[in-house]
N, C-alpha and C. Protein backbone atom coordinates (compact mmCIF):
# COMPACT_ATOMS: atom_id res chain seq x y z
N UNK A 1 88.06 166.53 84.81
CA UNK A 1 87.24 167.02 83.71
C UNK A 1 87.27 168.54 83.75
N UNK A 2 87.46 169.15 82.62
CA UNK A 2 87.53 170.61 82.55
C UNK A 2 86.14 171.21 82.59
N UNK A 3 86.08 172.53 82.82
CA UNK A 3 84.80 173.24 82.81
C UNK A 3 84.09 173.03 81.48
N UNK A 4 84.84 173.09 80.38
CA UNK A 4 84.24 172.93 79.05
C UNK A 4 83.61 171.55 78.90
N UNK A 5 84.33 170.50 79.35
CA UNK A 5 83.80 169.15 79.26
C UNK A 5 82.55 169.00 80.12
N UNK A 6 82.53 169.61 81.31
CA UNK A 6 81.35 169.56 82.16
C UNK A 6 80.17 170.22 81.45
N UNK A 7 80.40 171.35 80.82
CA UNK A 7 79.32 172.05 80.12
C UNK A 7 78.80 171.19 78.98
N UNK A 8 79.71 170.61 78.21
CA UNK A 8 79.30 169.73 77.11
C UNK A 8 78.51 168.54 77.64
N UNK A 9 78.96 167.96 78.75
CA UNK A 9 78.30 166.81 79.33
C UNK A 9 76.87 167.15 79.73
N UNK A 10 76.64 168.34 80.16
CA UNK A 10 75.29 168.76 80.56
C UNK A 10 74.32 168.72 79.38
N UNK A 11 74.83 168.81 78.18
CA UNK A 11 73.97 168.77 76.99
C UNK A 11 73.71 167.34 76.51
N UNK A 12 74.46 166.39 77.03
CA UNK A 12 74.31 165.00 76.61
C UNK A 12 73.01 164.42 77.14
N UNK A 13 72.59 163.33 76.54
CA UNK A 13 71.35 162.65 76.92
C UNK A 13 71.72 161.39 77.69
N UNK A 14 71.26 161.31 78.92
CA UNK A 14 71.49 160.15 79.78
C UNK A 14 70.13 159.54 80.05
N UNK A 15 69.93 158.29 79.62
CA UNK A 15 68.60 157.70 79.71
C UNK A 15 68.69 156.18 79.85
N UNK A 16 67.60 155.54 80.31
CA UNK A 16 67.62 154.09 80.44
C UNK A 16 67.84 153.41 79.09
N UNK A 17 68.55 152.28 79.13
CA UNK A 17 68.76 151.46 77.94
C UNK A 17 67.50 150.65 77.67
N UNK A 18 67.15 150.53 76.40
CA UNK A 18 66.00 149.74 75.98
C UNK A 18 66.44 148.73 74.92
N UNK A 19 65.59 147.74 74.65
CA UNK A 19 65.88 146.76 73.61
C UNK A 19 66.21 147.46 72.28
N UNK A 20 65.55 148.56 71.98
CA UNK A 20 65.77 149.28 70.72
C UNK A 20 67.19 149.86 70.62
N UNK A 21 67.90 149.98 71.75
CA UNK A 21 69.28 150.50 71.76
C UNK A 21 70.31 149.43 71.45
N UNK A 22 69.91 148.16 71.46
CA UNK A 22 70.89 147.08 71.47
C UNK A 22 71.75 146.97 70.22
N UNK A 23 71.24 147.30 69.06
CA UNK A 23 72.10 147.26 67.86
C UNK A 23 73.31 148.18 68.06
N UNK A 24 73.04 149.39 68.52
CA UNK A 24 74.14 150.35 68.73
C UNK A 24 75.03 149.93 69.89
N UNK A 25 74.44 149.44 70.97
CA UNK A 25 75.20 149.02 72.14
C UNK A 25 76.14 147.88 71.77
N UNK A 26 75.63 146.89 71.05
CA UNK A 26 76.47 145.75 70.66
C UNK A 26 77.58 146.21 69.71
N UNK A 27 77.27 147.11 68.81
CA UNK A 27 78.30 147.64 67.90
C UNK A 27 79.41 148.34 68.69
N UNK A 28 79.03 149.17 69.66
CA UNK A 28 80.04 149.85 70.49
C UNK A 28 80.84 148.82 71.28
N UNK A 29 80.14 147.87 71.89
CA UNK A 29 80.79 146.82 72.69
C UNK A 29 81.86 146.10 71.86
N UNK A 30 81.50 145.73 70.63
CA UNK A 30 82.44 145.01 69.77
C UNK A 30 83.60 145.89 69.32
N UNK A 31 83.41 147.18 69.32
CA UNK A 31 84.48 148.08 68.88
C UNK A 31 85.51 148.35 69.98
N UNK A 32 85.16 148.10 71.25
CA UNK A 32 86.10 148.45 72.32
C UNK A 32 86.61 147.25 73.13
N UNK A 33 85.99 146.09 72.99
CA UNK A 33 86.41 144.93 73.78
C UNK A 33 86.86 143.78 72.87
N UNK A 34 87.99 143.13 73.21
CA UNK A 34 88.44 141.99 72.41
C UNK A 34 87.55 140.75 72.60
N UNK A 35 86.87 140.66 73.72
CA UNK A 35 85.95 139.55 74.01
C UNK A 35 84.63 140.15 74.47
N UNK A 36 83.86 140.69 73.52
CA UNK A 36 82.66 141.45 73.87
C UNK A 36 81.48 140.59 74.30
N UNK A 37 80.58 141.26 75.03
CA UNK A 37 79.29 140.64 75.33
C UNK A 37 78.53 140.44 74.02
N UNK A 38 77.62 139.49 74.04
CA UNK A 38 76.74 139.25 72.89
C UNK A 38 75.46 140.07 73.04
N UNK A 39 74.72 140.15 71.97
CA UNK A 39 73.41 140.80 72.03
C UNK A 39 72.53 140.11 73.07
N UNK A 40 72.63 138.78 73.14
CA UNK A 40 71.84 138.02 74.11
C UNK A 40 72.21 138.40 75.54
N UNK A 41 73.49 138.63 75.81
CA UNK A 41 73.89 139.06 77.15
C UNK A 41 73.17 140.36 77.54
N UNK A 42 73.16 141.30 76.62
CA UNK A 42 72.49 142.59 76.90
C UNK A 42 70.98 142.41 77.00
N UNK A 43 70.41 141.68 76.07
CA UNK A 43 68.97 141.48 76.05
C UNK A 43 68.50 140.78 77.33
N UNK A 44 69.21 139.74 77.73
CA UNK A 44 68.86 139.03 78.97
C UNK A 44 68.98 139.94 80.19
N UNK A 45 69.99 140.78 80.21
CA UNK A 45 70.16 141.72 81.33
C UNK A 45 68.96 142.66 81.43
N UNK A 46 68.49 143.14 80.29
CA UNK A 46 67.32 144.02 80.31
C UNK A 46 66.08 143.25 80.74
N UNK A 47 65.92 142.03 80.23
CA UNK A 47 64.76 141.22 80.59
C UNK A 47 64.72 140.90 82.08
N UNK A 48 65.90 140.75 82.70
CA UNK A 48 65.97 140.44 84.12
C UNK A 48 65.86 141.70 84.99
N UNK A 49 65.70 142.84 84.37
CA UNK A 49 65.49 144.06 85.13
C UNK A 49 66.74 144.70 85.69
N UNK A 50 67.90 144.35 85.14
CA UNK A 50 69.11 145.01 85.59
C UNK A 50 69.04 146.48 85.19
N UNK A 51 69.74 147.29 85.92
CA UNK A 51 69.71 148.74 85.69
C UNK A 51 70.74 149.07 84.61
N UNK A 52 70.24 149.50 83.47
CA UNK A 52 71.09 149.74 82.30
C UNK A 52 70.80 151.14 81.76
N UNK A 53 71.85 151.88 81.51
CA UNK A 53 71.72 153.28 81.07
C UNK A 53 72.66 153.54 79.90
N UNK A 54 72.25 154.45 79.03
CA UNK A 54 73.09 154.87 77.91
C UNK A 54 73.36 156.36 78.03
N UNK A 55 74.47 156.77 77.44
CA UNK A 55 74.84 158.18 77.33
C UNK A 55 74.96 158.50 75.86
N UNK A 56 74.26 159.53 75.43
CA UNK A 56 74.26 159.93 74.02
C UNK A 56 74.64 161.39 73.89
N UNK A 57 75.22 161.71 72.74
CA UNK A 57 75.54 163.10 72.43
C UNK A 57 74.24 163.83 72.11
N UNK A 58 74.29 165.16 72.03
CA UNK A 58 73.07 165.89 71.65
C UNK A 58 72.50 165.45 70.30
N UNK A 59 73.36 164.92 69.42
CA UNK A 59 72.89 164.43 68.12
C UNK A 59 72.45 162.96 68.18
N UNK A 60 72.41 162.39 69.38
CA UNK A 60 71.94 161.02 69.66
C UNK A 60 72.97 159.93 69.34
N UNK A 61 74.22 160.30 69.11
CA UNK A 61 75.28 159.30 68.93
C UNK A 61 75.50 158.60 70.27
N UNK A 62 75.59 157.27 70.26
CA UNK A 62 75.85 156.50 71.48
C UNK A 62 77.30 156.70 71.89
N UNK A 63 77.50 157.20 73.11
CA UNK A 63 78.85 157.46 73.61
C UNK A 63 79.30 156.42 74.63
N UNK A 64 78.33 155.85 75.35
CA UNK A 64 78.69 154.87 76.36
C UNK A 64 77.47 154.32 77.05
N UNK A 65 77.72 153.39 77.97
CA UNK A 65 76.63 152.74 78.70
C UNK A 65 77.20 152.03 79.91
N UNK A 66 76.29 151.64 80.81
CA UNK A 66 76.64 150.75 81.91
C UNK A 66 75.44 149.90 82.29
N UNK A 67 75.73 148.77 82.94
CA UNK A 67 74.69 147.87 83.47
C UNK A 67 75.06 147.50 84.89
N UNK A 68 74.08 147.58 85.78
CA UNK A 68 74.27 147.26 87.19
C UNK A 68 73.22 146.24 87.61
N UNK A 69 73.67 145.23 88.33
CA UNK A 69 72.77 144.23 88.91
C UNK A 69 72.81 144.41 90.43
N UNK A 70 71.64 144.49 91.05
CA UNK A 70 71.56 144.60 92.50
C UNK A 70 71.28 143.23 93.10
N UNK A 71 72.10 142.84 94.08
CA UNK A 71 71.93 141.57 94.77
C UNK A 71 72.03 141.84 96.28
N UNK A 72 70.91 141.65 96.96
CA UNK A 72 70.83 141.93 98.40
C UNK A 72 71.27 143.37 98.66
N UNK A 73 72.44 143.56 99.29
CA UNK A 73 72.90 144.92 99.61
C UNK A 73 74.13 145.32 98.79
N UNK A 74 74.41 144.55 97.74
CA UNK A 74 75.60 144.83 96.93
C UNK A 74 75.24 144.96 95.45
N UNK A 75 75.74 146.00 94.83
CA UNK A 75 75.56 146.19 93.39
C UNK A 75 76.75 145.55 92.68
N UNK A 76 76.48 145.05 91.48
CA UNK A 76 77.54 144.47 90.66
C UNK A 76 77.56 145.24 89.35
N UNK A 77 78.66 145.94 89.11
CA UNK A 77 78.82 146.65 87.84
C UNK A 77 79.19 145.60 86.80
N UNK A 78 78.22 145.24 85.97
CA UNK A 78 78.40 144.15 85.02
C UNK A 78 79.19 144.57 83.79
N UNK A 79 78.95 145.78 83.33
CA UNK A 79 79.57 146.22 82.08
C UNK A 79 79.52 147.73 82.04
N UNK A 80 80.59 148.32 81.57
CA UNK A 80 80.65 149.76 81.33
C UNK A 80 81.58 149.98 80.15
N UNK A 81 81.19 150.87 79.26
CA UNK A 81 82.02 151.12 78.08
C UNK A 81 81.81 152.54 77.59
N UNK A 82 82.87 153.08 77.00
CA UNK A 82 82.84 154.38 76.35
C UNK A 82 83.38 154.19 74.94
N UNK A 83 82.72 154.77 73.97
CA UNK A 83 83.17 154.68 72.57
C UNK A 83 84.60 155.21 72.46
N UNK A 84 85.42 154.52 71.67
CA UNK A 84 86.84 154.84 71.57
C UNK A 84 87.14 156.33 71.32
N UNK A 85 86.43 157.00 70.38
CA UNK A 85 86.76 158.41 70.15
C UNK A 85 86.47 159.31 71.34
N UNK A 86 85.68 158.83 72.28
CA UNK A 86 85.28 159.64 73.43
C UNK A 86 86.04 159.26 74.70
N UNK A 87 86.92 158.27 74.62
CA UNK A 87 87.69 157.89 75.80
C UNK A 87 88.69 158.98 76.14
N UNK A 88 88.97 159.13 77.43
CA UNK A 88 89.92 160.13 77.90
C UNK A 88 89.32 161.52 78.02
N UNK A 89 88.00 161.64 77.94
CA UNK A 89 87.33 162.94 78.02
C UNK A 89 86.43 163.07 79.25
N UNK A 90 86.56 162.13 80.19
CA UNK A 90 85.78 162.19 81.42
C UNK A 90 84.45 161.45 81.38
N UNK A 91 84.13 160.82 80.25
CA UNK A 91 82.85 160.12 80.17
C UNK A 91 82.83 158.83 80.99
N UNK A 92 83.97 158.16 81.07
CA UNK A 92 84.05 156.95 81.90
C UNK A 92 83.79 157.29 83.36
N UNK A 93 84.38 158.38 83.81
CA UNK A 93 84.15 158.81 85.20
C UNK A 93 82.69 159.19 85.40
N UNK A 94 82.12 159.87 84.42
CA UNK A 94 80.69 160.21 84.51
C UNK A 94 79.85 158.95 84.65
N UNK A 95 80.12 157.95 83.82
CA UNK A 95 79.34 156.71 83.88
C UNK A 95 79.57 155.98 85.21
N UNK A 96 80.79 156.01 85.72
CA UNK A 96 81.03 155.43 87.04
C UNK A 96 80.24 156.17 88.11
N UNK A 97 80.27 157.50 88.05
CA UNK A 97 79.48 158.31 89.00
C UNK A 97 78.01 157.91 88.94
N UNK A 98 77.49 157.77 87.73
CA UNK A 98 76.08 157.44 87.56
C UNK A 98 75.77 156.03 88.04
N UNK A 99 76.68 155.10 87.80
CA UNK A 99 76.44 153.72 88.26
C UNK A 99 76.45 153.66 89.78
N UNK A 100 77.35 154.40 90.41
CA UNK A 100 77.39 154.46 91.88
C UNK A 100 76.13 155.14 92.41
N UNK A 101 75.70 156.22 91.77
CA UNK A 101 74.47 156.90 92.18
C UNK A 101 73.27 155.96 92.05
N UNK A 102 73.24 155.18 90.99
CA UNK A 102 72.19 154.20 90.78
C UNK A 102 72.18 153.20 91.94
N UNK A 103 73.35 152.67 92.27
CA UNK A 103 73.46 151.69 93.35
C UNK A 103 73.05 152.29 94.69
N UNK A 104 73.48 153.49 94.96
CA UNK A 104 73.09 154.16 96.21
C UNK A 104 71.59 154.36 96.26
N UNK A 105 71.02 154.75 95.13
CA UNK A 105 69.57 154.95 95.05
C UNK A 105 68.79 153.67 95.31
N UNK A 106 69.42 152.54 95.05
CA UNK A 106 68.79 151.24 95.31
C UNK A 106 69.05 150.75 96.73
N UNK A 107 69.77 151.55 97.51
CA UNK A 107 70.07 151.19 98.90
C UNK A 107 71.22 150.22 99.06
N UNK A 108 72.06 150.11 98.04
CA UNK A 108 73.20 149.19 98.11
C UNK A 108 74.29 149.76 99.04
N UNK A 109 75.03 148.86 99.67
CA UNK A 109 76.09 149.28 100.58
C UNK A 109 77.47 149.27 99.93
N UNK A 110 77.61 148.52 98.83
CA UNK A 110 78.89 148.45 98.14
C UNK A 110 78.64 148.10 96.68
N UNK A 111 79.68 148.28 95.88
CA UNK A 111 79.63 147.91 94.47
C UNK A 111 80.85 147.05 94.16
N UNK A 112 80.59 145.98 93.42
CA UNK A 112 81.61 145.01 93.05
C UNK A 112 81.78 145.03 91.53
N UNK A 113 82.97 144.73 91.05
CA UNK A 113 83.21 144.57 89.62
C UNK A 113 84.36 143.61 89.41
N UNK A 114 84.45 143.08 88.19
CA UNK A 114 85.60 142.30 87.78
C UNK A 114 86.25 143.00 86.60
N UNK A 115 87.58 142.91 86.55
CA UNK A 115 88.33 143.51 85.46
C UNK A 115 89.53 142.63 85.13
N UNK A 116 89.87 142.59 83.85
CA UNK A 116 91.03 141.80 83.42
C UNK A 116 92.32 142.46 83.91
N UNK A 117 93.28 141.68 84.38
CA UNK A 117 94.59 142.25 84.73
C UNK A 117 95.26 142.94 83.54
N UNK A 118 94.95 142.48 82.33
CA UNK A 118 95.54 143.08 81.13
C UNK A 118 94.90 144.42 80.77
N UNK A 119 93.79 144.76 81.39
CA UNK A 119 93.10 146.03 81.09
C UNK A 119 93.60 147.11 82.06
N UNK A 120 94.85 147.49 81.86
CA UNK A 120 95.52 148.43 82.77
C UNK A 120 94.82 149.78 82.84
N UNK A 121 94.31 150.23 81.72
CA UNK A 121 93.61 151.53 81.70
C UNK A 121 92.39 151.50 82.63
N UNK A 122 91.59 150.44 82.53
CA UNK A 122 90.42 150.33 83.40
C UNK A 122 90.84 150.18 84.86
N UNK A 123 91.86 149.36 85.12
CA UNK A 123 92.35 149.20 86.49
C UNK A 123 92.75 150.54 87.09
N UNK A 124 93.45 151.34 86.33
CA UNK A 124 93.87 152.66 86.82
C UNK A 124 92.66 153.54 87.12
N UNK A 125 91.68 153.52 86.24
CA UNK A 125 90.46 154.32 86.44
C UNK A 125 89.75 153.87 87.72
N UNK A 126 89.56 152.56 87.87
CA UNK A 126 88.85 152.05 89.04
C UNK A 126 89.60 152.36 90.33
N UNK A 127 90.92 152.21 90.32
CA UNK A 127 91.71 152.52 91.52
C UNK A 127 91.61 154.00 91.88
N UNK A 128 91.75 154.85 90.88
CA UNK A 128 91.64 156.30 91.15
C UNK A 128 90.26 156.65 91.69
N UNK A 129 89.25 155.93 91.25
CA UNK A 129 87.89 156.19 91.68
C UNK A 129 87.67 155.76 93.14
N UNK A 130 88.47 154.79 93.61
CA UNK A 130 88.34 154.33 94.99
C UNK A 130 88.03 152.85 95.14
N UNK A 131 87.94 152.13 94.02
CA UNK A 131 87.76 150.68 94.10
C UNK A 131 89.05 150.04 94.59
N UNK A 132 88.92 149.01 95.42
CA UNK A 132 90.08 148.30 95.94
C UNK A 132 89.97 146.83 95.54
N UNK A 133 91.12 146.22 95.26
CA UNK A 133 91.14 144.80 94.92
C UNK A 133 90.82 143.98 96.15
N UNK A 134 89.87 143.05 96.00
CA UNK A 134 89.49 142.19 97.13
C UNK A 134 89.71 140.71 96.83
N UNK A 135 90.10 140.39 95.58
CA UNK A 135 90.34 138.99 95.25
C UNK A 135 90.54 138.78 93.77
N UNK A 136 90.65 137.52 93.41
CA UNK A 136 90.81 137.13 92.01
C UNK A 136 89.93 135.94 91.69
N UNK A 137 89.44 135.91 90.46
CA UNK A 137 88.71 134.75 89.96
C UNK A 137 89.61 134.13 88.89
N UNK A 138 90.10 132.95 89.17
CA UNK A 138 91.03 132.27 88.26
C UNK A 138 90.32 131.84 86.99
N UNK A 139 90.93 132.16 85.83
CA UNK A 139 90.41 131.72 84.55
C UNK A 139 89.01 132.22 84.23
N UNK A 140 88.66 133.37 84.71
CA UNK A 140 87.30 133.91 84.59
C UNK A 140 86.93 134.33 83.17
N UNK A 141 87.86 134.95 82.48
CA UNK A 141 87.59 135.51 81.16
C UNK A 141 88.17 134.66 80.04
N UNK A 142 87.49 134.59 78.89
CA UNK A 142 88.12 133.98 77.72
C UNK A 142 89.26 134.89 77.24
N UNK A 143 90.29 134.28 76.72
CA UNK A 143 91.44 135.03 76.21
C UNK A 143 91.84 134.47 74.86
N UNK A 144 92.88 135.01 74.30
CA UNK A 144 93.35 134.60 72.97
C UNK A 144 93.78 133.13 72.97
N UNK A 145 93.67 132.51 71.82
CA UNK A 145 94.14 131.14 71.60
C UNK A 145 93.48 130.11 72.53
N UNK A 146 92.22 130.35 72.88
CA UNK A 146 91.50 129.40 73.71
C UNK A 146 91.92 129.38 75.16
N UNK A 147 92.75 130.32 75.56
CA UNK A 147 93.21 130.38 76.94
C UNK A 147 92.21 131.17 77.78
N UNK A 148 92.48 131.26 79.07
CA UNK A 148 91.63 132.00 80.00
C UNK A 148 92.48 133.03 80.74
N UNK A 149 91.82 134.11 81.17
CA UNK A 149 92.49 135.17 81.92
C UNK A 149 91.75 135.35 83.25
N UNK A 150 92.52 135.58 84.30
CA UNK A 150 91.93 135.83 85.61
C UNK A 150 91.13 137.12 85.59
N UNK A 151 90.31 137.29 86.61
CA UNK A 151 89.62 138.55 86.84
C UNK A 151 90.05 139.09 88.19
N UNK A 152 90.37 140.36 88.23
CA UNK A 152 90.60 141.04 89.49
C UNK A 152 89.24 141.50 89.99
N UNK A 153 88.89 141.11 91.20
CA UNK A 153 87.62 141.52 91.80
C UNK A 153 87.89 142.77 92.62
N UNK A 154 87.10 143.80 92.36
CA UNK A 154 87.28 145.07 93.06
C UNK A 154 85.97 145.49 93.70
N UNK A 155 86.09 146.27 94.77
CA UNK A 155 84.89 146.73 95.45
C UNK A 155 85.10 148.13 96.02
N UNK A 156 83.99 148.86 96.05
CA UNK A 156 83.97 150.16 96.69
C UNK A 156 82.78 150.21 97.63
N UNK A 157 82.99 150.78 98.81
CA UNK A 157 81.90 150.97 99.75
C UNK A 157 81.14 152.22 99.34
N UNK A 158 79.83 152.13 99.43
CA UNK A 158 78.99 153.26 99.02
C UNK A 158 78.54 154.04 100.24
């Protein structure tokens, strides 16, 4: 991230996700994922007390979000997304940093996530960040034509 991007990022609004954010969150989710979460997925996550945060521009445009679930001593990064026009500008890394900081603040020892093998861009980001592949979940994700896609399970020690 360049100095300019860091300065711009300092002006952004980073705050907890609320039910009132869900229309925008679901719209962003549907714009960037071929098999997006539903509004119910997000709503249930908030109701269960998962740690969910949004990132907004100074004008309050939704730029991205993440959700983390804490289980015993391990955090699970359930979902992270950056709006398409803002991808490649360091916001994904910022959200990863924040999700890891959230997990550390909760006393977690590691963070786990699943990612589609076809999502090469995300895989590259996670690997560069320090996540390592620890396994696969066969047929985990829905895919085109009623088929299923595996999930690569990745983890980073905190």
